[in-house]
C-alpha atoms as a PDB file:
ATOM      1  CA  UNK A   1     -37.601 -31.142  12.623  1.00  0.00           C
ATOM      2  CA  UNK A   2     -34.837 -33.663  12.136  1.00  0.00           C
ATOM      3  CA  UNK A   3     -34.416 -33.101   8.431  1.00  0.00           C
ATOM      4  CA  UNK A   4     -30.918 -33.319   7.037  1.00  0.00           C
ATOM      5  CA  UNK A   5     -29.460 -30.097   5.721  1.00  0.00           C
ATOM      6  CA  UNK A   6     -29.530 -29.813   1.938  1.00  0.00           C
ATOM      7  CA  UNK A   7     -27.633 -26.896   0.423  1.00  0.00           C
ATOM      8  CA  UNK A   8     -29.352 -24.712  -2.126  1.00  0.00           C
ATOM      9  CA  UNK A   9     -28.576 -24.788  -4.936  1.00  0.00           C
ATOM     10  CA  UNK A  10     -27.405 -28.390  -4.905  1.00  0.00           C
ATOM     11  CA  UNK A  11     -23.619 -28.692  -5.314  1.00  0.00           C
ATOM     12  CA  UNK A  12     -22.334 -29.438  -8.778  1.00  0.00           C
ATOM     13  CA  UNK A  13     -20.405 -32.695  -8.808  1.00  0.00           C
ATOM     14  CA  UNK A  14     -17.284 -32.313 -10.913  1.00  0.00           C
ATOM     15  CA  UNK A  15     -15.547 -35.170 -12.621  1.00  0.00           C
ATOM     16  CA  UNK A  16     -11.883 -35.255 -11.581  1.00  0.00           C
ATOM     17  CA  UNK A  17     -10.984 -36.678 -14.997  1.00  0.00           C
ATOM     18  CA  UNK A  18     -12.700 -33.938 -17.023  1.00  0.00           C
ATOM     19  CA  UNK A  19     -10.027 -32.770 -19.515  1.00  0.00           C
ATOM     20  CA  UNK A  20     -11.107 -29.125 -19.375  1.00  0.00           C
ATOM     21  CA  UNK A  21     -11.085 -29.099 -15.581  1.00  0.00           C
ATOM     22  CA  UNK A  22      -7.609 -30.651 -15.533  1.00  0.00           C
ATOM     23  CA  UNK A  23      -6.327 -28.131 -18.084  1.00  0.00           C
ATOM     24  CA  UNK A  24      -7.765 -25.234 -16.049  1.00  0.00           C
ATOM     25  CA  UNK A  25      -6.255 -26.573 -12.813  1.00  0.00           C
ATOM     26  CA  UNK A  26      -2.874 -27.012 -14.494  1.00  0.00           C
ATOM     27  CA  UNK A  27      -2.950 -23.421 -15.779  1.00  0.00           C
ATOM     28  CA  UNK A  28      -4.062 -22.141 -12.390  1.00  0.00           C
ATOM     29  CA  UNK A  29      -1.262 -24.045 -10.656  1.00  0.00           C
ATOM     30  CA  UNK A  30       1.250 -22.461 -13.064  1.00  0.00           C
ATOM     31  CA  UNK A  31      -0.137 -19.035 -12.140  1.00  0.00           C
ATOM     32  CA  UNK A  32       0.284 -19.824  -8.449  1.00  0.00           C
ATOM     33  CA  UNK A  33       3.910 -20.860  -8.948  1.00  0.00           C
ATOM     34  CA  UNK A  34       4.432 -17.597 -10.847  1.00  0.00           C
ATOM     35  CA  UNK A  35       2.962 -15.586  -7.975  1.00  0.00           C
ATOM     36  CA  UNK A  36       5.235 -17.360  -5.511  1.00  0.00           C
ATOM     37  CA  UNK A  37       8.239 -16.825  -7.787  1.00  0.00           C
ATOM     38  CA  UNK A  38       7.894 -13.025  -7.822  1.00  0.00           C
ATOM     39  CA  UNK A  39       7.110 -12.547  -4.147  1.00  0.00           C
ATOM     40  CA  UNK A  40      10.613 -11.150  -3.568  1.00  0.00           C
ATOM     41  CA  UNK A  41       9.925  -8.363  -6.052  1.00  0.00           C
ATOM     42  CA  UNK A  42       6.615  -7.370  -4.464  1.00  0.00           C
ATOM     43  CA  UNK A  43       7.605  -7.426  -0.812  1.00  0.00           C
ATOM     44  CA  UNK A  44       5.666 -10.627  -0.253  1.00  0.00           C
ATOM     45  CA  UNK A  45       2.336  -9.336  -1.594  1.00  0.00           C
ATOM     46  CA  UNK A  46       2.054 -11.921  -4.382  1.00  0.00           C
ATOM     47  CA  UNK A  47       2.902 -14.653  -1.880  1.00  0.00           C
ATOM     48  CA  UNK A  48      -0.082 -13.584   0.222  1.00  0.00           C
ATOM     49  CA  UNK A  49      -2.326 -13.565  -2.848  1.00  0.00           C
ATOM     50  CA  UNK A  50      -1.056 -17.017  -3.821  1.00  0.00           C
ATOM     51  CA  UNK A  51      -1.626 -18.581  -0.391  1.00  0.00           C
ATOM     52  CA  UNK A  52      -5.160 -17.183  -0.246  1.00  0.00           C
ATOM     53  CA  UNK A  53      -5.881 -18.578  -3.709  1.00  0.00           C
ATOM     54  CA  UNK A  54      -4.345 -21.917  -2.672  1.00  0.00           C
ATOM     55  CA  UNK A  55      -6.799 -22.229   0.182  1.00  0.00           C
ATOM     56  CA  UNK A  56      -9.798 -21.017  -1.844  1.00  0.00           C
ATOM     57  CA  UNK A  57      -9.184 -23.408  -4.755  1.00  0.00           C
ATOM     58  CA  UNK A  58      -7.807 -26.341  -2.745  1.00  0.00           C
ATOM     59  CA  UNK A  59     -11.145 -28.144  -2.867  1.00  0.00           C
ATOM     60  CA  UNK A  60     -11.231 -27.818  -6.650  1.00  0.00           C
ATOM     61  CA  UNK A  61      -7.801 -29.420  -6.888  1.00  0.00           C
ATOM     62  CA  UNK A  62      -8.892 -32.344  -4.737  1.00  0.00           C
ATOM     63  CA  UNK A  63      -8.745 -35.612  -6.626  1.00  0.00           C
ATOM     64  CA  UNK A  64      -6.603 -34.198  -9.416  1.00  0.00           C
ATOM     65  CA  UNK A  65      -2.868 -34.627 -10.039  1.00  0.00           C
ATOM     66  CA  UNK A  66      -2.454 -31.006  -8.892  1.00  0.00           C
ATOM     67  CA  UNK A  67      -3.634 -31.615  -5.342  1.00  0.00           C
ATOM     68  CA  UNK A  68      -0.071 -32.488  -4.287  1.00  0.00           C
ATOM     69  CA  UNK A  69       1.238 -29.288  -5.877  1.00  0.00           C
ATOM     70  CA  UNK A  70      -1.225 -27.255  -3.823  1.00  0.00           C
ATOM     71  CA  UNK A  71      -0.052 -28.954  -0.617  1.00  0.00           C
ATOM     72  CA  UNK A  72       3.585 -28.422  -1.692  1.00  0.00           C
ATOM     73  CA  UNK A  73       2.944 -24.700  -2.237  1.00  0.00           C
ATOM     74  CA  UNK A  74       1.085 -24.261   1.050  1.00  0.00           C
ATOM     75  CA  UNK A  75       3.802 -26.036   3.037  1.00  0.00           C
ATOM     76  CA  UNK A  76       6.503 -24.023   1.274  1.00  0.00           C
ATOM     77  CA  UNK A  77       4.753 -20.784   2.183  1.00  0.00           C
ATOM     78  CA  UNK A  78       4.228 -21.549   5.867  1.00  0.00           C
ATOM     79  CA  UNK A  79       7.702 -22.997   6.457  1.00  0.00           C
ATOM     80  CA  UNK A  80       9.210 -19.977   4.687  1.00  0.00           C
ATOM     81  CA  UNK A  81       7.179 -17.624   6.910  1.00  0.00           C
ATOM     82  CA  UNK A  82       8.455 -19.454   9.989  1.00  0.00           C
ATOM     83  CA  UNK A  83      12.031 -19.294   8.689  1.00  0.00           C
ATOM     84  CA  UNK A  84      11.745 -15.577   7.971  1.00  0.00           C
ATOM     85  CA  UNK A  85      10.352 -14.888  11.443  1.00  0.00           C
ATOM     86  CA  UNK A  86      13.229 -16.798  13.037  1.00  0.00           C
ATOM     87  CA  UNK A  87      15.712 -15.038  10.749  1.00  0.00           C
ATOM     88  CA  UNK A  88      14.408 -11.567  11.575  1.00  0.00           C
ATOM     89  CA  UNK A  89      14.264 -12.412  15.283  1.00  0.00           C
ATOM     90  CA  UNK A  90      17.922 -13.460  15.295  1.00  0.00           C
ATOM     91  CA  UNK A  91      19.382 -10.648  13.190  1.00  0.00           C
ATOM     92  CA  UNK A  92      20.546  -8.844  16.318  1.00  0.00           C
ATOM     93  CA  UNK A  93      22.868 -11.750  17.216  1.00  0.00           C
ATOM     94  CA  UNK A  94      24.278 -11.904  13.705  1.00  0.00           C
ATOM     95  CA  UNK A  95      23.009 -15.325  12.684  1.00  0.00           C
ATOM     96  CA  UNK A  96      19.730 -13.987  11.286  1.00  0.00           C
ATOM     97  CA  UNK A  97      21.254 -13.007   7.960  1.00  0.00           C
ATOM     98  CA  UNK A  98      22.467 -16.564   7.425  1.00  0.00           C
ATOM     99  CA  UNK A  99      19.047 -17.960   8.325  1.00  0.00           C
ATOM    100  CA  UNK A 100      17.305 -15.525   5.971  1.00  0.00           C
ATOM    101  CA  UNK A 101      19.683 -16.433   3.152  1.00  0.00           C
ATOM    102  CA  UNK A 102      19.158 -20.163   3.741  1.00  0.00           C
ATOM    103  CA  UNK A 103      15.369 -19.759   3.844  1.00  0.00           C
ATOM    104  CA  UNK A 104      15.405 -17.719   0.642  1.00  0.00           C
ATOM    105  CA  UNK A 105      17.496 -20.309  -1.196  1.00  0.00           C
ATOM    106  CA  UNK A 106      15.331 -23.154   0.136  1.00  0.00           C
ATOM    107  CA  UNK A 107      12.143 -21.357  -0.925  1.00  0.00           C
ATOM    108  CA  UNK A 108      13.501 -20.620  -4.381  1.00  0.00           C
ATOM    109  CA  UNK A 109      14.568 -24.259  -4.737  1.00  0.00           C
ATOM    110  CA  UNK A 110      11.082 -25.502  -3.819  1.00  0.00           C
ATOM    111  CA  UNK A 111       9.384 -23.092  -6.212  1.00  0.00           C
ATOM    112  CA  UNK A 112      11.667 -24.150  -9.072  1.00  0.00           C
ATOM    113  CA  UNK A 113      11.363 -27.866  -8.290  1.00  0.00           C
ATOM    114  CA  UNK A 114       7.582 -27.750  -8.009  1.00  0.00           C
ATOM    115  CA  UNK A 115       7.224 -25.703 -11.170  1.00  0.00           C
ATOM    116  CA  UNK A 116       9.474 -28.079 -13.118  1.00  0.00           C
ATOM    117  CA  UNK A 117       7.498 -31.085 -11.892  1.00  0.00           C
ATOM    118  CA  UNK A 118       4.294 -29.351 -12.953  1.00  0.00           C
ATOM    119  CA  UNK A 119       5.786 -28.517 -16.354  1.00  0.00           C
ATOM    120  CA  UNK A 120       6.719 -32.182 -16.820  1.00  0.00           C
ATOM    121  CA  UNK A 121       3.235 -33.201 -15.634  1.00  0.00           C
ATOM    122  CA  UNK A 122       4.651 -35.137 -12.676  1.00  0.00           C
ATOM    123  CA  UNK A 123       3.168 -35.408  -9.229  1.00  0.00           C
ATOM    124  CA  UNK A 124       5.298 -34.258  -6.332  1.00  0.00           C
ATOM    125  CA  UNK A 125       5.687 -35.645  -2.814  1.00  0.00           C
ATOM    126  CA  UNK A 126       4.119 -32.791  -0.819  1.00  0.00           C
ATOM    127  CA  UNK A 127       5.634 -33.788   2.533  1.00  0.00           C
ATOM    128  CA  UNK A 128       9.236 -33.846   1.288  1.00  0.00           C
ATOM    129  CA  UNK A 129      11.620 -31.128   2.454  1.00  0.00           C
ATOM    130  CA  UNK A 130      13.657 -31.065  -0.751  1.00  0.00           C
END
């Protein structure tokens, strides 16, 4: 009765240094940055798709150079959501438009910076604000 749980089928152990896996993760991370970049044009829909994909594939990115990019993207999304909520909540006192503009510029900056670092094959400090 005290047998340890063994998943079926057994999990496939992936090598973090597998060149094909790294190439696929790099391409996927580019796609995610692209989805985040066009979220303004889709009313936020692509941002929702991107954050869901970030969480689904986060385990696959673990142990790769792209793990930090995933954390960077997730943090950018959630801080931007918080900023937008605060901005919309304070529109009636006039300061909301400034907050929304600042959040939009900050979000765009983070998307561009992260995408450039990915393009140059650099890791990024995921906890940094800028």
